[in-house]
Each structure stands twice: as C-alpha cells, then as structure tokens.
Amino acid sequence: MAKKQMFAIRKAILNKNKEEKKKKDAEATTNKRKRFEDPAAAEFDEKVVKRVKQVNSDMYMAHNTALGPPYRLLVDTNFINFSMQNKIDIINGAMDCLYAKVSVYVCSCVMAELEKLGDKFKVALRTAKDPRFIKLHCGTTYADDCIVNTVSQSPIYIVGTADKDLKRRLRKVPGVPIMYISKHKYTIERLPDAYGAPQE
C-alpha cells in the first residue's frame, strides 16, 4: 500500500512540473509574439530553425583583421619553383608587393615534395632551405592538403601558390589572400585595398 502511495505522490509531482513547464513555454511564446505586430511573422519566426555557422573571431565582414604587417607568407612547391624561373627573390619580391616586412614559412611536406622531385628542382630546394625561411612541421604528406588545413585552422597566413587547383580550394576559405606571379612579379588577390597591394 505504501508503494502505491509513493508512486501516486511521485506522479503528482511530475505532473505538476510538466504543467509548470507548459505554462512557462506558453508565456515565452506569448512574449515572443508580442515582438511582432503581424501574427503571421511571429508564426514564421517560430517555425524557422536558425543555424548560424561559427565564424573565426578575426573575420570582420569580408576582411581578416588577423592579417597585418609583418605578414606571414606560406609558400608551396610551385611558388618556389616559378619564383626561381622568373628570377624573383621570394622575400624581396613579397616585400615589394606588400610594402611591409614579410616572414616566409615553408611546410615540411613542401620540403619533402621538392626532395622527391629530384635534380630538376635542385635550385628550388636550395632556396627552400634558406635560413631566413621559417619551417613548419606537419603530419600530412600531401602539400596542398596541409596548406589548406593550416590556413583553415589559423587564417593568419597569405598563401603563395601558382597551382590552379590549390587556388580554387583556397578561395573557399574566407579571409585567406593568395599571392601569385604575374608579369614577372608578385601580385595578390583578396587582400583589402587599404593595405595597398597591387591588384590586376
């Protein structure tokens, strides 16, 4: 008998909590509806599921506020090779393009790729081993994936590349400018005009 009484008491408490919750929800809905003069607008607002994609805190409108002098330039295999073919010193060329100090970063996978390519890329490999370049160590073996992952996680880099596929992938990452070679000099896309970089 005592068990039945206990069960009845618990059920009554649960029912009371449910009723209170329903009352609170109804009040919240009423308050929400008061914000809208049009009842149809209130109804639509209730139905729409709002999902906002998380945006990096450095992004302001279309501009990445994490970018600024001294710039960090992350280079890929093609960029180093084409720079050598066009007789451009990477650091001086980047400084001429950006009108500011530039730190050049090379991923370990880019170094490995240059070593695999053999004698044809000997000059590019020697350039990549320049002590002024900062080495980044990564776990991936494919350079393009590594660069895309790096700039997606921390969009503090300008990416130097001459690879069309990599450019296409990087354009999908918000706030990452791309440096490339045009008319035997570096130019840049997707960097705010305020920084004064030459545009095509």
Protein backbone atom coordinates (compact mmCIF):
# COMPACT_ATOMS: atom_id res chain seq x y z
CA MET A 1 0.00 0.00 0.00
CA ALA A 2 2.87 2.32 0.90
CA LYS A 3 4.44 1.68 -2.52
CA LYS A 4 1.21 2.72 -4.29
CA GLN A 5 1.04 5.91 -2.22
CA MET A 6 4.67 6.76 -3.01
CA PHE A 7 4.04 6.15 -6.72
CA ALA A 8 0.96 8.42 -6.64
CA ILE A 9 2.93 11.19 -4.89
CA ARG A 10 5.76 10.98 -7.45
CA LYS A 11 3.29 11.03 -10.34
CA ALA A 12 1.58 14.10 -8.89
CA ILE A 13 4.94 15.91 -8.54
CA LEU A 14 5.92 15.02 -12.13
CA ASN A 15 2.55 16.18 -13.46
CA LYS A 16 2.88 19.44 -11.53
CA ASN A 17 6.36 20.01 -13.03
CA LYS A 18 5.02 19.30 -16.53
CA GLU A 19 2.18 21.77 -16.07
CA GLU A 20 4.58 24.45 -14.80
CA LYS A 21 6.88 23.86 -17.79
CA LYS A 22 3.94 24.12 -20.21
CA LYS A 23 2.86 27.36 -18.54
CA LYS A 24 6.38 28.81 -18.83
CA ASP A 25 6.62 27.80 -22.51
CA ALA A 26 3.25 29.38 -23.24
CA GLU A 27 4.36 32.62 -21.53
CA ALA A 28 7.63 32.64 -23.50
CA THR A 29 5.71 32.13 -26.77
CA THR A 30 3.31 34.96 -25.87
CA ASN A 31 6.22 37.29 -25.05
CA LYS A 32 7.93 36.32 -28.28
CA ARG A 33 4.77 37.00 -30.28
CA LYS A 34 4.47 40.45 -28.70
CA ARG A 35 7.66 41.45 -30.53
CA PHE A 36 5.84 41.05 -33.84
CA GLU A 37 2.87 43.16 -34.82
CA ASP A 38 1.96 40.71 -37.56
CA PRO A 39 0.86 37.28 -36.19
CA ALA A 40 1.98 35.59 -39.44
CA ALA A 41 5.52 36.93 -38.90
CA ALA A 42 5.51 35.60 -35.34
CA GLU A 43 4.39 32.19 -36.59
CA PHE A 44 7.11 32.14 -39.27
CA ASP A 45 9.77 33.12 -36.70
CA GLU A 46 8.74 30.17 -34.53
CA LYS A 47 8.94 27.70 -37.44
CA VAL A 48 12.31 28.82 -38.84
CA VAL A 49 15.25 26.92 -37.37
CA LYS A 50 18.15 29.32 -37.02
CA ARG A 51 21.60 27.82 -37.52
CA VAL A 52 24.48 30.28 -37.73
CA LYS A 53 27.84 28.92 -38.92
CA GLN A 54 30.69 29.64 -36.50
CA VAL A 55 32.95 32.35 -37.95
CA ASN A 56 36.53 32.99 -36.89
CA SER A 57 36.66 35.92 -34.46
CA ASP A 58 39.32 37.65 -36.58
CA MET A 59 36.92 37.97 -39.52
CA TYR A 60 35.22 41.35 -39.78
CA MET A 61 32.78 41.49 -42.68
CA ALA A 62 34.94 40.25 -45.61
CA HIS A 63 38.23 41.36 -44.06
CA ASN A 64 40.53 39.28 -41.94
CA THR A 65 41.80 41.53 -39.12
CA ALA A 66 44.47 38.94 -38.17
CA LEU A 67 46.40 39.94 -41.30
CA GLY A 68 48.79 42.82 -40.94
CA PRO A 69 52.47 43.69 -41.01
CA PRO A 70 54.71 41.79 -40.53
CA TYR A 71 52.95 39.44 -42.95
CA ARG A 72 53.30 35.64 -42.88
CA LEU A 73 53.67 34.12 -46.34
CA LEU A 74 53.11 30.36 -46.59
CA VAL A 75 54.60 29.08 -49.87
CA ASP A 76 54.05 25.89 -51.85
CA THR A 77 56.30 23.91 -54.23
CA ASN A 78 55.13 25.63 -57.44
CA PHE A 79 55.53 29.11 -55.99
CA ILE A 80 59.18 28.48 -55.05
CA ASN A 81 59.93 26.88 -58.44
CA PHE A 82 58.24 29.59 -60.54
CA SER A 83 59.92 32.30 -58.46
CA MET A 84 63.29 30.80 -59.39
CA GLN A 85 62.28 30.58 -63.08
CA ASN A 86 61.21 34.25 -63.04
CA LYS A 87 64.39 35.21 -61.10
CA ILE A 88 62.44 36.67 -58.18
CA ASP A 89 63.88 36.66 -54.68
CA ILE A 90 60.90 35.48 -52.58
CA ILE A 91 61.42 37.74 -49.55
CA ASN A 92 62.31 40.89 -51.55
CA GLY A 93 59.56 40.23 -54.11
CA ALA A 94 56.94 39.77 -51.37
CA MET A 95 58.12 42.94 -49.60
CA ASP A 96 57.87 44.89 -52.88
CA CYS A 97 54.31 43.57 -53.33
CA LEU A 98 53.07 44.20 -49.79
CA TYR A 99 55.16 47.26 -48.86
CA ALA A 100 55.89 45.69 -45.47
CA LYS A 101 58.09 43.16 -43.72
CA VAL A 102 57.34 39.54 -44.70
CA SER A 103 58.19 36.26 -42.92
CA VAL A 104 58.25 33.28 -45.29
CA TYR A 105 57.01 29.90 -43.99
CA VAL A 106 57.66 26.50 -45.61
CA CYS A 107 55.87 23.29 -44.56
CA SER A 108 57.90 20.11 -44.08
CA CYS A 109 55.68 18.39 -46.69
CA VAL A 110 56.71 21.05 -49.29
CA MET A 111 60.37 20.31 -48.49
CA ALA A 112 59.71 16.55 -48.87
CA GLU A 113 57.94 17.16 -52.20
CA LEU A 114 60.90 19.18 -53.52
CA GLU A 115 63.34 16.44 -52.43
CA LYS A 116 61.26 13.79 -54.25
CA LEU A 117 61.22 15.80 -57.50
CA GLY A 118 64.98 15.36 -57.89
CA ASP A 119 67.63 17.34 -59.79
CA LYS A 120 65.14 19.41 -61.79
CA PHE A 121 64.10 21.19 -58.60
CA LYS A 122 67.57 21.38 -57.01
CA VAL A 123 67.64 25.22 -57.10
CA ALA A 124 64.12 25.42 -55.63
CA LEU A 125 65.14 23.04 -52.83
CA ARG A 126 68.25 25.11 -52.08
CA THR A 127 66.00 28.20 -51.90
CA ALA A 128 63.54 26.44 -49.57
CA LYS A 129 66.44 25.61 -47.24
CA ASP A 130 67.21 29.33 -46.89
CA PRO A 131 67.84 30.01 -43.16
CA ARG A 132 65.59 33.10 -43.38
CA PHE A 133 62.59 30.83 -44.10
CA ILE A 134 60.66 29.52 -41.09
CA LYS A 135 59.95 25.78 -41.19
CA LEU A 136 56.52 24.43 -40.19
CA HIS A 137 56.31 20.76 -39.22
CA CYS A 138 53.14 18.93 -40.22
CA GLY A 139 51.91 15.34 -40.14
CA THR A 140 50.45 15.20 -43.66
CA THR A 141 52.31 14.06 -46.78
CA TYR A 142 50.34 15.94 -49.45
CA ALA A 143 51.37 19.62 -49.52
CA ASP A 144 48.08 21.06 -50.86
CA ASP A 145 46.01 19.39 -48.11
CA CYS A 146 48.50 20.56 -45.49
CA ILE A 147 48.34 24.21 -46.68
CA VAL A 148 44.51 24.23 -46.84
CA ASN A 149 44.24 22.68 -43.35
CA THR A 150 46.82 25.10 -41.90
CA VAL A 151 45.10 28.25 -43.20
CA SER A 152 41.63 26.91 -42.29
CA GLN A 153 42.66 26.37 -38.67
CA SER A 154 44.61 29.63 -38.32
CA PRO A 155 43.90 32.21 -41.06
CA ILE A 156 46.98 34.33 -40.29
CA TYR A 157 48.83 33.47 -43.50
CA ILE A 158 48.95 34.77 -47.05
CA VAL A 159 49.40 31.74 -49.33
CA GLY A 160 51.90 31.92 -52.18
CA THR A 161 50.94 29.49 -54.95
CA ALA A 162 50.88 29.08 -58.72
CA ASP A 163 48.69 25.95 -58.58
CA LYS A 164 45.21 26.50 -60.09
CA ASP A 165 43.59 23.66 -58.10
CA LEU A 166 45.03 24.92 -54.82
CA LYS A 167 43.89 28.47 -55.64
CA ARG A 168 40.35 27.18 -56.25
CA ARG A 169 40.38 25.37 -52.88
CA LEU A 170 41.79 28.40 -51.05
CA ARG A 171 39.12 30.72 -52.45
CA LYS A 172 36.58 28.70 -50.46
CA VAL A 173 38.40 29.56 -47.21
CA PRO A 174 37.26 33.02 -46.05
CA GLY A 175 39.86 35.70 -45.36
CA VAL A 176 42.89 33.98 -46.91
CA PRO A 177 44.68 36.11 -49.55
CA ILE A 178 46.55 34.39 -52.39
CA MET A 179 49.87 35.64 -53.76
CA TYR A 180 50.83 34.57 -57.27
CA ILE A 181 53.22 35.53 -60.09
CA SER A 182 52.04 37.79 -62.89
CA LYS A 183 54.25 39.62 -65.44
CA HIS A 184 57.48 38.54 -63.66
CA LYS A 185 56.44 39.97 -60.29
CA TYR A 186 54.22 39.04 -57.35
CA THR A 187 50.67 40.23 -57.08
CA ILE A 188 47.92 39.40 -54.63
CA GLU A 189 44.20 38.77 -54.57
CA ARG A 190 41.66 39.03 -51.75
CA LEU A 191 43.60 41.46 -49.60
CA PRO A 192 41.75 44.64 -48.53
CA ASP A 193 42.59 47.69 -50.67
CA ALA A 194 43.69 49.53 -47.52
CA TYR A 195 46.90 47.52 -47.48
CA GLY A 196 47.87 48.98 -50.87
CA ALA A 197 48.90 45.73 -52.58
CA PRO A 198 48.91 45.92 -56.40
CA GLN A 199 45.83 44.36 -57.97
CA GLU A 200 45.37 43.08 -61.51
